Amino acid sequence: MSSAEKPSSKGQAWFCTTGLPSDIVVEVDDMTFHLHKFPLMSKSRKLHLLITQQEAATHSSAAQQQQENEDEDEIVEEQCHVTFTGFPGGSEAFEMAAKFCYGVKIDLTPSNVAALRCAGEFLEMTEDYSEDNLVSKTERFLSQHVLKSLKDSVKTLKSCDSLMPMAENLGITQRCVDSVVSRTSSSDPALFGWPVSDASSASKQVIWNGLDGAGRRKASAGAGESWFEDLALLRLPLFKRLILAMRTAELSPEIIETCVMYYAKKYIPGVSRSNRKPLPSSSSSSSVATEAEQKEILETLVSNLPLEKSSKAATATRFLFGLLRTTNILNASEACRDALEKKIGLQLEEATLDDLLVPSYSYLNETLYDVDCVERILSQFLEGLEARTAAETTEDAAATRSPALMLVGKLIDGYLSEIASDANLKPEKFYNFAISLPDEARLFDDGLYRAVDVYLKAHPWVSEEEREKICGLLDCQKLTLEACTHAAQNERLPLRAVVQVLFFEQLQLRHAIAGTLMAAEAAAEPGRQSAALEREAEGGGREGLGLDLEHVQERNGTWRVAVRENQVLRLDMDSMRTRVHQLERECSSMKRVIAKFDKSDGGAAGGWRASLGRKFGCKFKTQVCDSHESTAVDTRKGRHHQQQQPQQQQHPHHV
């Protein structure tokens, strides 16, 4: 075909402008191709057979038609008409195959090679019919270029979606799947989860017969894109097949999880908080799936998530919580929800407070947030932590606080403070959720105290009994001095809780004073030693100077610092002593009030002293104001069993 012989398209018709009239018309889909018999018959056995059969059928009537209308029907007699339905790759693939028959230089790319391979098989453009035919060229390109590149294998696999079942019968699909799995397993795991540049695939694009076409430019432009994004374009059945092959080959869970993450972000709107409103896709409307399709995709992806803890736990945890919200919205199966909650429970320490605020989409839940869901996730975390702790047999591991548990404890206290303001949160649910966290998870109870304070403020109608039960969650010994000071002036707390807070605040002040005195004595000792050394250095004459004098001066500086610190500590000690005296006066005033109540109701069963003794019972036997022995009641036992046994008090409690 000369350079002047160029194909052109007009509307839905395609012409080959060779200067000669076309003698065959081929219809593929909605496109009509006006071609010539000889180039097609020289490369395609199927077209050769079809054209030969039509020529034989029309040869008998050709003479009669020519006599009736010789001038008008001469061309019609020689023209053949062929229609292909279900042509693999559609009219675009046939156009490229026709160009190949005419000798036009075509571009083979990972996106079109599978369609051309199927078109060559459909038209029987094999090597035994014509040398260097389309089938052999496409097979060579597949084996030498596509299957040696991870990114190109994914692109070709994507193109197989519309070529079924011929692509499956020719083995193109399976070869691409095997190539992706093989190339992925041999790649650097550090690259996964980030855009993978496969520039080598662009440099290996073969431009057949030397033409530089649009395929090369597109491949070069897309060389830096992530192959995960191409993988997300696969239809669900083919994606499931690829993930199953990855799991069978025991690929890294991180790779499989990243594939699932990209696919979910592509087809499930709202799974990522940064992409709640998906942008319209110019490719097709298939990227915006229906609700039923989203539900099927979601359940399929969750069932293929690895059970192991993610290596990039922070990102994965945020993604898993997005899937969990979508599960509630789409009303997915319980198995899907349980799998997500178990997966999140393995890495709960990586979650944030914003992640835990899962809205309640069910009409059965009265609360704003799904508290039951977070409680189940916490239960999964504690079960996993217990299993890991049991596996550690060393004594040091058992005695050390788990950093993950401490992080989760802080996270849960923040969550409790957030949900405490919900007016529909029942006291029993708040209490049960708070005690589900073990005591070892909290180094201080300040976060829990804040949650309790917020709850009591938002629920002023809670009964006194429920208030005392909720305040029983607090361990006053684990409250800081600031929290104790706030609690002692908190009018929302029951009197019993305030008494306990005052008790431990006074105890902390006494311990602080004792520590201050010990520190002051320890600081004064180096000062006396430095003074003695200085006198010794002064009496030794000039021969003993040098390094000894420098050493004495250094000790002297340390002594001055210690003196200043001692003065500061004494000031702090005086302030603490004043506070202790103030607290003792308050305790004495309270005892006088209690005594008046006892005298006024002396005939009641047990008397006011006994009842208030039980009500103001403290957990520890340490006394603040008096040295008499007293009975202490551990109020935190109510965390695990809600039974109170009445006790006969031998002596009244000294507060």
Foldseek 3Di string as FASTA:
>chain_A
DDPVFDWDDDDQEIETPPVDFAQEWEAWDSHIYRHHQPLLVQQFVQSVVVLVVVLVVLVVCPVVVCVVPVPPCPSVSRHYYHYDYPQQPTPVLVVVLSCVSVVHFDFDALQCLLSVLSNCVVRVRDCVRPNPTSNVVSVCCCVVAQLQFLLSLLNNLQNCQRRPPSCVVVVSNVSSLVSNLVVQQPDDPVCPPDFDAQQVSLVPGDRGPPDDDPNSVVCNVCRRGRSLLSNLSHDDVSNLVSLVVNVVVVGDLQNSLSSLLNNLVQAPAQLAVVGNDPDDDPPDPVSDPDLVVNLVSLQSSLVSRDQDAHPPNLVVLSSLLSSLLSCQVSVHDPVSNVSSLLRNLCPVLSDALVSQQRAHPDPVDPFGGDLVSVLSSPVSNVVVVVVVLVVDPDPVSVVDQDPSLLSVLLSVLVNLLVRLLTLPDDLVSSLLSLLVRDPSNDQACLSVLNSLLNNCVNCVVDDPVSLLLSLLSHDLLRHDLVSLVVLCPDPSHDPLSNLQSLFNNLVVLVVLLVVLVVLLVVLVVLLVVLVVLVVVQVPPPPVPDDVSVVVSVVSNVSNVVSVVVNVVSVVVSVVSVVVSVVSVVVLVVVVVVQVVQQVVPVPDVLGSQLVVQVSNAAADQDDRPDDDTFDHDNSNVCSPPNDDDRDRTPDGDRD
